[in-house]
Amino acid sequence: MEQAEEPRYMRDFHRGRCSYFCVNGDYYHSGKKVLFNPKHFRDFPHYLDHLTDQLKPPFGAVRRICTPNYGHAVRSLEDLQPDGVYVAAGPGRFKPYG
């Protein structure tokens, strides 16, 4: 059975991706599900501002996104995985989870 060609109205459709974000150093924060839609956020700094508004971390503005286990930095929006878990960090040192 062959796959049907994608309809024309779906070609430029941007699919949103949800990821879970925890606040760096806050072990009691259960994480928050935040939607990323490439149509709304064209660059990484604007998404960091959006995370600051959504999470309201005690350290101020979110400056970095890291992986929870080893603290590897996420450098671009394309690196965010759907249903991924990340840590929103500020200017301070990363505190590992797990």
PDB file of N, CA and C in Angstrom:
ATOM      1  N   MET A   1       0.841  -1.165   0.000  1.00  0.00           N
ATOM      2  CA  MET A   1       0.000   0.000   0.000  1.00  0.00           C
ATOM      3  C   MET A   1       0.895   1.240   0.000  1.00  0.00           C
ATOM      4  N   GLU A   2       0.660   2.139  -0.903  1.00  0.00           N
ATOM      5  CA  GLU A   2       1.485   3.337  -1.035  1.00  0.00           C
ATOM      6  C   GLU A   2       0.966   4.450  -0.133  1.00  0.00           C
ATOM      7  N   GLN A   3       1.908   5.276   0.306  1.00  0.00           N
ATOM      8  CA  GLN A   3       1.553   6.445   1.107  1.00  0.00           C
ATOM      9  C   GLN A   3       0.977   7.525   0.200  1.00  0.00           C
ATOM     10  N   ALA A   4      -0.110   8.115   0.606  1.00  0.00           N
ATOM     11  CA  ALA A   4      -0.693   9.213  -0.155  1.00  0.00           C
ATOM     12  C   ALA A   4       0.162  10.458   0.029  1.00  0.00           C
ATOM     13  N   GLU A   5       0.216  11.274  -0.998  1.00  0.00           N
ATOM     14  CA  GLU A   5       0.993  12.512  -0.907  1.00  0.00           C
ATOM     15  C   GLU A   5       0.341  13.442   0.116  1.00  0.00           C
ATOM     16  N   GLU A   6       1.172  14.179   0.812  1.00  0.00           N
ATOM     17  CA  GLU A   6       0.697  15.103   1.836  1.00  0.00           C
ATOM     18  C   GLU A   6      -0.142  16.208   1.194  1.00  0.00           C
ATOM     19  N   PRO A   7      -1.292  16.544   1.771  1.00  0.00           N
ATOM     20  CA  PRO A   7      -2.113  17.614   1.202  1.00  0.00           C
ATOM     21  C   PRO A   7      -1.371  18.950   1.196  1.00  0.00           C
ATOM     22  N   ARG A   8      -1.713  19.787   0.262  1.00  0.00           N
ATOM     23  CA  ARG A   8      -1.029  21.062   0.083  1.00  0.00           C
ATOM     24  C   ARG A   8      -1.129  21.949   1.326  1.00  0.00           C
ATOM     25  N   TYR A   9      -2.269  21.955   1.989  1.00  0.00           N
ATOM     26  CA  TYR A   9      -2.430  22.811   3.162  1.00  0.00           C
ATOM     27  C   TYR A   9      -1.591  22.335   4.349  1.00  0.00           C
ATOM     28  N   MET A  10      -1.088  21.108   4.320  1.00  0.00           N
ATOM     29  CA  MET A  10      -0.281  20.579   5.419  1.00  0.00           C
ATOM     30  C   MET A  10       1.216  20.749   5.193  1.00  0.00           C
ATOM     31  N   ARG A  11       1.635  21.201   4.035  1.00  0.00           N
ATOM     32  CA  ARG A  11       3.065  21.271   3.715  1.00  0.00           C
ATOM     33  C   ARG A  11       3.820  22.257   4.589  1.00  0.00           C
ATOM     34  N   ASP A  12       3.244  23.395   4.880  1.00  0.00           N
ATOM     35  CA  ASP A  12       3.913  24.407   5.693  1.00  0.00           C
ATOM     36  C   ASP A  12       3.417  24.390   7.136  1.00  0.00           C
ATOM     37  N   PHE A  13       2.842  23.298   7.536  1.00  0.00           N
ATOM     38  CA  PHE A  13       2.301  23.159   8.886  1.00  0.00           C
ATOM     39  C   PHE A  13       3.444  22.930   9.868  1.00  0.00           C
ATOM     40  N   HIS A  14       3.521  23.770  10.903  1.00  0.00           N
ATOM     41  CA  HIS A  14       4.552  23.637  11.929  1.00  0.00           C
ATOM     42  C   HIS A  14       3.945  22.928  13.130  1.00  0.00           C
ATOM     43  N   ARG A  15       4.478  21.789  13.436  1.00  0.00           N
ATOM     44  CA  ARG A  15       3.966  21.000  14.550  1.00  0.00           C
ATOM     45  C   ARG A  15       4.663  21.409  15.848  1.00  0.00           C
ATOM     46  N   GLY A  16       3.888  21.640  16.884  1.00  0.00           N
ATOM     47  CA  GLY A  16       4.443  21.999  18.181  1.00  0.00           C
ATOM     48  C   GLY A  16       5.020  20.778  18.886  1.00  0.00           C
ATOM     49  N   ARG A  17       5.986  21.028  19.756  1.00  0.00           N
ATOM     50  CA  ARG A  17       6.604  19.954  20.538  1.00  0.00           C
ATOM     51  C   ARG A  17       6.531  20.340  22.007  1.00  0.00           C
ATOM     52  N   CYS A  18       6.134  19.397  22.833  1.00  0.00           N
ATOM     53  CA  CYS A  18       6.089  19.629  24.275  1.00  0.00           C
ATOM     54  C   CYS A  18       7.321  19.019  24.920  1.00  0.00           C
ATOM     55  N   SER A  19       7.902  19.739  25.840  1.00  0.00           N
ATOM     56  CA  SER A  19       9.017  19.243  26.638  1.00  0.00           C
ATOM     57  C   SER A  19       8.743  19.606  28.087  1.00  0.00           C
ATOM     58  N   TYR A  20       9.387  18.895  28.981  1.00  0.00           N
ATOM     59  CA  TYR A  20       9.236  19.132  30.411  1.00  0.00           C
ATOM     60  C   TYR A  20      10.471  19.849  30.930  1.00  0.00           C
ATOM     61  N   PHE A  21      10.263  20.906  31.702  1.00  0.00           N
ATOM     62  CA  PHE A  21      11.366  21.707  32.228  1.00  0.00           C
ATOM     63  C   PHE A  21      11.307  21.756  33.745  1.00  0.00           C
ATOM     64  N   CYS A  22      12.463  21.526  34.368  1.00  0.00           N
ATOM     65  CA  CYS A  22      12.635  21.665  35.810  1.00  0.00           C
ATOM     66  C   CYS A  22      13.506  22.889  36.053  1.00  0.00           C
ATOM     67  N   VAL A  23      13.439  23.424  37.258  1.00  0.00           N
ATOM     68  CA  VAL A  23      14.240  24.587  37.621  1.00  0.00           C
ATOM     69  C   VAL A  23      15.529  24.100  38.272  1.00  0.00           C
ATOM     70  N   ASN A  24      16.652  24.645  37.856  1.00  0.00           N
ATOM     71  CA  ASN A  24      17.960  24.248  38.372  1.00  0.00           C
ATOM     72  C   ASN A  24      18.039  24.472  39.883  1.00  0.00           C
ATOM     73  N   GLY A  25      18.417  23.417  40.615  1.00  0.00           N
ATOM     74  CA  GLY A  25      18.595  23.515  42.052  1.00  0.00           C
ATOM     75  C   GLY A  25      17.335  23.345  42.875  1.00  0.00           C
ATOM     76  N   ASP A  26      16.175  23.292  42.260  1.00  0.00           N
ATOM     77  CA  ASP A  26      14.917  23.138  42.983  1.00  0.00           C
ATOM     78  C   ASP A  26      14.452  21.689  42.843  1.00  0.00           C
ATOM     79  N   TYR A  27      14.817  20.855  43.810  1.00  0.00           N
ATOM     80  CA  TYR A  27      14.519  19.427  43.729  1.00  0.00           C
ATOM     81  C   TYR A  27      13.048  19.123  43.969  1.00  0.00           C
ATOM     82  N   TYR A  28      12.296  20.070  44.481  1.00  0.00           N
ATOM     83  CA  TYR A  28      10.878  19.860  44.749  1.00  0.00           C
ATOM     84  C   TYR A  28       9.986  20.336  43.606  1.00  0.00           C
ATOM     85  N   HIS A  29      10.577  20.967  42.615  1.00  0.00           N
ATOM     86  CA  HIS A  29       9.815  21.410  41.441  1.00  0.00           C
ATOM     87  C   HIS A  29       9.543  20.181  40.585  1.00  0.00           C
ATOM     88  N   SER A  30       8.290  19.865  40.374  1.00  0.00           N
ATOM     89  CA  SER A  30       7.936  18.634  39.663  1.00  0.00           C
ATOM     90  C   SER A  30       8.145  18.733  38.157  1.00  0.00           C
ATOM     91  N   GLY A  31       8.413  19.907  37.664  1.00  0.00           N
ATOM     92  CA  GLY A  31       8.582  20.089  36.224  1.00  0.00           C
ATOM     93  C   GLY A  31       7.315  20.638  35.612  1.00  0.00           C
ATOM     94  N   LYS A  32       7.484  21.371  34.556  1.00  0.00           N
ATOM     95  CA  LYS A  32       6.337  21.966  33.882  1.00  0.00           C
ATOM     96  C   LYS A  32       6.423  21.645  32.401  1.00  0.00           C
ATOM     97  N   LYS A  33       5.295  21.303  31.839  1.00  0.00           N
ATOM     98  CA  LYS A  33       5.212  20.992  30.419  1.00  0.00           C
ATOM     99  C   LYS A  33       5.096  22.308  29.655  1.00  0.00           C
ATOM    100  N   VAL A  34       6.045  22.554  28.748  1.00  0.00           N
ATOM    101  CA  VAL A  34       6.070  23.801  27.989  1.00  0.00           C
ATOM    102  C   VAL A  34       6.068  23.456  26.503  1.00  0.00           C
ATOM    103  N   LEU A  35       5.211  24.117  25.766  1.00  0.00           N
ATOM    104  CA  LEU A  35       5.084  23.892  24.333  1.00  0.00           C
ATOM    105  C   LEU A  35       6.086  24.736  23.566  1.00  0.00           C
ATOM    106  N   PHE A  36       6.708  24.126  22.573  1.00  0.00           N
ATOM    107  CA  PHE A  36       7.574  24.857  21.647  1.00  0.00           C
ATOM    108  C   PHE A  36       6.960  24.754  20.268  1.00  0.00           C
ATOM    109  N   ASN A  37       6.659  25.893  19.673  1.00  0.00           N
ATOM    110  CA  ASN A  37       6.145  25.946  18.314  1.00  0.00           C
ATOM    111  C   ASN A  37       7.100  26.803  17.498  1.00  0.00           C
ATOM    112  N   PRO A  38       7.726  26.231  16.457  1.00  0.00           N
ATOM    113  CA  PRO A  38       8.699  27.000  15.676  1.00  0.00           C
ATOM    114  C   PRO A  38       8.104  28.227  14.992  1.00  0.00           C
ATOM    115  N   LYS A  39       6.807  28.272  14.858  1.00  0.00           N
ATOM    116  CA  LYS A  39       6.164  29.435  14.252  1.00  0.00           C
ATOM    117  C   LYS A  39       6.196  30.640  15.196  1.00  0.00           C
ATOM    118  N   HIS A  40       6.216  30.394  16.508  1.00  0.00           N
ATOM    119  CA  HIS A  40       6.185  31.471  17.497  1.00  0.00           C
ATOM    120  C   HIS A  40       7.569  31.911  17.940  1.00  0.00           C
ATOM    121  N   PHE A  41       8.528  30.995  17.955  1.00  0.00           N
ATOM    122  CA  PHE A  41       9.871  31.302  18.449  1.00  0.00           C
ATOM    123  C   PHE A  41      10.876  31.069  17.333  1.00  0.00           C
ATOM    124  N   ARG A  42      11.392  32.149  16.793  1.00  0.00           N
ATOM    125  CA  ARG A  42      12.329  32.042  15.677  1.00  0.00           C
ATOM    126  C   ARG A  42      13.765  31.828  16.137  1.00  0.00           C
ATOM    127  N   ASP A  43      14.082  32.254  17.370  1.00  0.00           N
ATOM    128  CA  ASP A  43      15.459  32.093  17.835  1.00  0.00           C
ATOM    129  C   ASP A  43      15.481  31.689  19.311  1.00  0.00           C
ATOM    130  N   PHE A  44      16.639  31.235  19.741  1.00  0.00           N
ATOM    131  CA  PHE A  44      16.829  30.669  21.074  1.00  0.00           C
ATOM    132  C   PHE A  44      16.608  31.678  22.206  1.00  0.00           C
ATOM    133  N   PRO A  45      17.123  32.914  22.135  1.00  0.00           N
ATOM    134  CA  PRO A  45      16.904  33.867  23.239  1.00  0.00           C
ATOM    135  C   PRO A  45      15.426  34.171  23.518  1.00  0.00           C
ATOM    136  N   HIS A  46      14.604  34.210  22.485  1.00  0.00           N
ATOM    137  CA  HIS A  46      13.173  34.458  22.702  1.00  0.00           C
ATOM    138  C   HIS A  46      12.515  33.283  23.430  1.00  0.00           C
ATOM    139  N   TYR A  47      12.966  32.076  23.145  1.00  0.00           N
ATOM    140  CA  TYR A  47      12.420  30.916  23.845  1.00  0.00           C
ATOM    141  C   TYR A  47      12.861  30.907  25.309  1.00  0.00           C
ATOM    142  N   LEU A  48      14.094  31.348  25.576  1.00  0.00           N
ATOM    143  CA  LEU A  48      14.557  31.446  26.965  1.00  0.00           C
ATOM    144  C   LEU A  48      13.718  32.462  27.743  1.00  0.00           C
ATOM    145  N   ASP A  49      13.355  33.563  27.105  1.00  0.00           N
ATOM    146  CA  ASP A  49      12.471  34.548  27.745  1.00  0.00           C
ATOM    147  C   ASP A  49      11.096  33.950  28.041  1.00  0.00           C
ATOM    148  N   HIS A  50      10.596  33.155  27.105  1.00  0.00           N
ATOM    149  CA  HIS A  50       9.308  32.486  27.304  1.00  0.00           C
ATOM    150  C   HIS A  50       9.386  31.511  28.485  1.00  0.00           C
ATOM    151  N   LEU A  51      10.486  30.775  28.594  1.00  0.00           N
ATOM    152  CA  LEU A  51      10.662  29.861  29.726  1.00  0.00           C
ATOM    153  C   LEU A  51      10.709  30.620  31.050  1.00  0.00           C
ATOM    154  N   THR A  52      11.348  31.786  31.049  1.00  0.00           N
ATOM    155  CA  THR A  52      11.395  32.606  32.258  1.00  0.00           C
ATOM    156  C   THR A  52       9.982  32.993  32.690  1.00  0.00           C
ATOM    157  N   ASP A  53       9.142  33.377  31.740  1.00  0.00           N
ATOM    158  CA  ASP A  53       7.758  33.747  32.054  1.00  0.00           C
ATOM    159  C   ASP A  53       6.946  32.553  32.545  1.00  0.00           C
ATOM    160  N   GLN A  54       7.178  31.380  31.967  1.00  0.00           N
ATOM    161  CA  GLN A  54       6.406  30.194  32.326  1.00  0.00           C
ATOM    162  C   GLN A  54       6.819  29.594  33.667  1.00  0.00           C
ATOM    163  N   LEU A  55       8.137  29.514  33.919  1.00  0.00           N
ATOM    164  CA  LEU A  55       8.640  28.820  35.107  1.00  0.00           C
ATOM    165  C   LEU A  55       8.785  29.721  36.330  1.00  0.00           C
ATOM    166  N   LYS A  56       9.023  31.006  36.106  1.00  0.00           N
ATOM    167  CA  LYS A  56       9.256  31.970  37.189  1.00  0.00           C
ATOM    168  C   LYS A  56      10.291  31.455  38.193  1.00  0.00           C
ATOM    169  N   PRO A  57      11.525  31.189  37.738  1.00  0.00           N
ATOM    170  CA  PRO A  57      12.546  30.634  38.632  1.00  0.00           C
ATOM    171  C   PRO A  57      13.011  31.652  39.673  1.00  0.00           C
ATOM    172  N   PRO A  58      13.470  31.189  40.836  1.00  0.00           N
ATOM    173  CA  PRO A  58      13.898  32.107  41.897  1.00  0.00           C
ATOM    174  C   PRO A  58      15.195  32.845  41.581  1.00  0.00           C
ATOM    175  N   PHE A  59      15.989  32.333  40.658  1.00  0.00           N
ATOM    176  CA  PHE A  59      17.266  32.971  40.331  1.00  0.00           C
ATOM    177  C   PHE A  59      17.134  34.074  39.298  1.00  0.00           C
ATOM    178  N   GLY A  60      15.942  34.304  38.776  1.00  0.00           N
ATOM    179  CA  GLY A  60      15.750  35.358  37.783  1.00  0.00           C
ATOM    180  C   GLY A  60      15.510  34.772  36.403  1.00  0.00           C
ATOM    181  N   ALA A  61      16.226  35.274  35.426  1.00  0.00           N
ATOM    182  CA  ALA A  61      16.009  34.876  34.043  1.00  0.00           C
ATOM    183  C   ALA A  61      16.698  33.555  33.712  1.00  0.00           C
ATOM    184  N   VAL A  62      16.047  32.759  32.859  1.00  0.00           N
ATOM    185  CA  VAL A  62      16.642  31.524  32.349  1.00  0.00           C
ATOM    186  C   VAL A  62      17.670  31.905  31.291  1.00  0.00           C
ATOM    187  N   ARG A  63      18.894  31.439  31.457  1.00  0.00           N
ATOM    188  CA  ARG A  63      19.974  31.751  30.519  1.00  0.00           C
ATOM    189  C   ARG A  63      20.465  30.535  29.749  1.00  0.00           C
ATOM    190  N   ARG A  64      20.208  29.333  30.299  1.00  0.00           N
ATOM    191  CA  ARG A  64      20.681  28.106  29.657  1.00  0.00           C
ATOM    192  C   ARG A  64      19.640  27.006  29.819  1.00  0.00           C
ATOM    193  N   ILE A  65      19.684  26.040  28.909  1.00  0.00           N
ATOM    194  CA  ILE A  65      18.899  24.819  29.015  1.00  0.00           C
ATOM    195  C   ILE A  65      19.897  23.674  29.018  1.00  0.00           C
ATOM    196  N   CYS A  66      19.754  22.766  29.995  1.00  0.00           N
ATOM    197  CA  CYS A  66      20.689  21.650  30.146  1.00  0.00           C
ATOM    198  C   CYS A  66      19.917  20.340  30.230  1.00  0.00           C
ATOM    199  N   THR A  67      20.644  19.226  30.006  1.00  0.00           N
ATOM    200  CA  THR A  67      20.062  17.909  30.234  1.00  0.00           C
ATOM    201  C   THR A  67      20.107  17.621  31.730  1.00  0.00           C
ATOM    202  N   PRO A  68      19.162  16.846  32.269  1.00  0.00           N
ATOM    203  CA  PRO A  68      19.088  16.688  33.724  1.00  0.00           C
ATOM    204  C   PRO A  68      20.204  15.860  34.354  1.00  0.00           C
ATOM    205  N   ASN A  69      20.756  14.884  33.666  1.00  0.00           N
ATOM    206  CA  ASN A  69      21.731  13.995  34.295  1.00  0.00           C
ATOM    207  C   ASN A  69      23.144  14.554  34.311  1.00  0.00           C
ATOM    208  N   TYR A  70      23.623  15.022  33.180  1.00  0.00           N
ATOM    209  CA  TYR A  70      25.019  15.447  33.081  1.00  0.00           C
ATOM    210  C   TYR A  70      25.193  16.934  32.829  1.00  0.00           C
ATOM    211  N   GLY A  71      24.126  17.648  32.579  1.00  0.00           N
ATOM    212  CA  GLY A  71      24.213  19.086  32.390  1.00  0.00           C
ATOM    213  C   GLY A  71      24.725  19.521  31.036  1.00  0.00           C
ATOM    214  N   HIS A  72      24.603  18.665  30.025  1.00  0.00           N
ATOM    215  CA  HIS A  72      25.016  19.057  28.679  1.00  0.00           C
ATOM    216  C   HIS A  72      24.120  20.189  28.197  1.00  0.00           C
ATOM    217  N   ALA A  73      24.730  21.194  27.631  1.00  0.00           N
ATOM    218  CA  ALA A  73      23.986  22.385  27.207  1.00  0.00           C
ATOM    219  C   ALA A  73      23.227  22.136  25.910  1.00  0.00           C
ATOM    220  N   VAL A  74      22.018  22.658  25.846  1.00  0.00           N
ATOM    221  CA  VAL A  74      21.235  22.678  24.617  1.00  0.00           C
ATOM    222  C   VAL A  74      21.527  24.017  23.969  1.00  0.00           C
ATOM    223  N   ARG A  75      22.063  24.008  22.768  1.00  0.00           N
ATOM    224  CA  ARG A  75      22.539  25.233  22.136  1.00  0.00           C
ATOM    225  C   ARG A  75      21.583  25.825  21.100  1.00  0.00           C
ATOM    226  N   SER A  76      20.619  25.037  20.628  1.00  0.00           N
ATOM    227  CA  SER A  76      19.696  25.566  19.619  1.00  0.00           C
ATOM    228  C   SER A  76      18.312  24.951  19.809  1.00  0.00           C
ATOM    229  N   LEU A  77      17.341  25.547  19.189  1.00  0.00           N
ATOM    230  CA  LEU A  77      15.971  25.060  19.293  1.00  0.00           C
ATOM    231  C   LEU A  77      15.800  23.706  18.619  1.00  0.00           C
ATOM    232  N   GLU A  78      16.610  23.413  17.621  1.00  0.00           N
ATOM    233  CA  GLU A  78      16.517  22.136  16.920  1.00  0.00           C
ATOM    234  C   GLU A  78      16.963  20.973  17.800  1.00  0.00           C
ATOM    235  N   ASP A  79      17.732  21.259  18.853  1.00  0.00           N
ATOM    236  CA  ASP A  79      18.212  20.208  19.747  1.00  0.00           C
ATOM    237  C   ASP A  79      17.147  19.731  20.732  1.00  0.00           C
ATOM    238  N   LEU A  80      16.064  20.473  20.876  1.00  0.00           N
ATOM    239  CA  LEU A  80      14.997  20.072  21.801  1.00  0.00           C
ATOM    240  C   LEU A  80      14.231  18.886  21.225  1.00  0.00           C
ATOM    241  N   GLN A  81      14.118  17.835  22.020  1.00  0.00           N
ATOM    242  CA  GLN A  81      13.414  16.627  21.603  1.00  0.00           C
ATOM    243  C   GLN A  81      11.968  16.668  22.082  1.00  0.00           C
ATOM    244  N   PRO A  82      11.033  16.131  21.294  1.00  0.00           N
ATOM    245  CA  PRO A  82       9.651  16.051  21.772  1.00  0.00           C
ATOM    246  C   PRO A  82       9.578  15.161  23.013  1.00  0.00           C
ATOM    247  N   ASP A  83       8.831  15.572  23.993  1.00  0.00           N
ATOM    248  CA  ASP A  83       8.682  14.872  25.275  1.00  0.00           C
ATOM    249  C   ASP A  83      10.002  14.708  26.013  1.00  0.00           C
ATOM    250  N   GLY A  84      10.962  15.569  25.736  1.00  0.00           N
ATOM    251  CA  GLY A  84      12.240  15.540  26.436  1.00  0.00           C
ATOM    252  C   GLY A  84      12.130  16.212  27.794  1.00  0.00           C
ATOM    253  N   VAL A  85      13.084  15.908  28.661  1.00  0.00           N
ATOM    254  CA  VAL A  85      13.141  16.518  29.987  1.00  0.00           C
ATOM    255  C   VAL A  85      14.412  17.350  30.058  1.00  0.00           C
ATOM    256  N   TYR A  86      14.274  18.605  30.485  1.00  0.00           N
ATOM    257  CA  TYR A  86      15.400  19.534  30.514  1.00  0.00           C
ATOM    258  C   TYR A  86      15.391  20.326  31.812  1.00  0.00           C
ATOM    259  N   VAL A  87      16.526  20.951  32.085  1.00  0.00           N
ATOM    260  CA  VAL A  87      16.671  21.802  33.263  1.00  0.00           C
ATOM    261  C   VAL A  87      16.885  23.230  32.789  1.00  0.00           C
ATOM    262  N   ALA A  88      16.074  24.151  33.281  1.00  0.00           N
ATOM    263  CA  ALA A  88      16.232  25.571  32.976  1.00  0.00           C
ATOM    264  C   ALA A  88      17.182  26.156  34.013  1.00  0.00           C
ATOM    265  N   ALA A  89      18.309  26.682  33.555  1.00  0.00           N
ATOM    266  CA  ALA A  89      19.345  27.179  34.462  1.00  0.00           C
ATOM    267  C   ALA A  89      19.586  28.659  34.236  1.00  0.00           C
ATOM    268  N   GLY A  90      20.049  29.304  35.280  1.00  0.00           N
ATOM    269  CA  GLY A  90      20.401  30.718  35.215  1.00  0.00           C
ATOM    270  C   GLY A  90      21.898  30.876  35.048  1.00  0.00           C
ATOM    271  N   PRO A  91      22.445  31.955  35.568  1.00  0.00           N
ATOM    272  CA  PRO A  91      23.883  32.197  35.421  1.00  0.00           C
ATOM    273  C   PRO A  91      24.738  31.335  36.350  1.00  0.00           C
ATOM    274  N   GLY A  92      24.139  30.709  37.349  1.00  0.00           N
ATOM    275  CA  GLY A  92      24.896  29.916  38.327  1.00  0.00           C
ATOM    276  C   GLY A  92      25.312  28.552  37.801  1.00  0.00           C
ATOM    277  N   ARG A  93      25.963  27.794  38.689  1.00  0.00           N
ATOM    278  CA  ARG A  93      26.463  26.469  38.363  1.00  0.00           C
ATOM    279  C   ARG A  93      25.305  25.475  38.254  1.00  0.00           C
ATOM    280  N   PHE A  94      25.439  24.495  37.344  1.00  0.00           N
ATOM    281  CA  PHE A  94      24.428  23.457  37.163  1.00  0.00           C
ATOM    282  C   PHE A  94      24.469  22.476  38.331  1.00  0.00           C
ATOM    283  N   LYS A  95      23.294  22.106  38.827  1.00  0.00           N
ATOM    284  CA  LYS A  95      23.180  21.127  39.910  1.00  0.00           C
ATOM    285  C   LYS A  95      22.511  19.879  39.344  1.00  0.00           C
ATOM    286  N   PRO A  96      23.229  18.739  39.299  1.00  0.00           N
ATOM    287  CA  PRO A  96      22.686  17.539  38.650  1.00  0.00           C
ATOM    288  C   PRO A  96      21.470  16.960  39.373  1.00  0.00           C
ATOM    289  N   TYR A  97      20.614  16.337  38.580  1.00  0.00           N
ATOM    290  CA  TYR A  97      19.435  15.640  39.095  1.00  0.00           C
ATOM    291  C   TYR A  97      19.688  14.150  38.974  1.00  0.00           C
ATOM    292  N   GLY A  98      19.074  13.392  39.824  1.00  0.00           N
ATOM    293  CA  GLY A  98      19.141  11.945  39.699  1.00  0.00           C
ATOM    294  C   GLY A  98      20.183  11.402  40.509  1.00  0.00           C
TER     295      GLY A  98
END
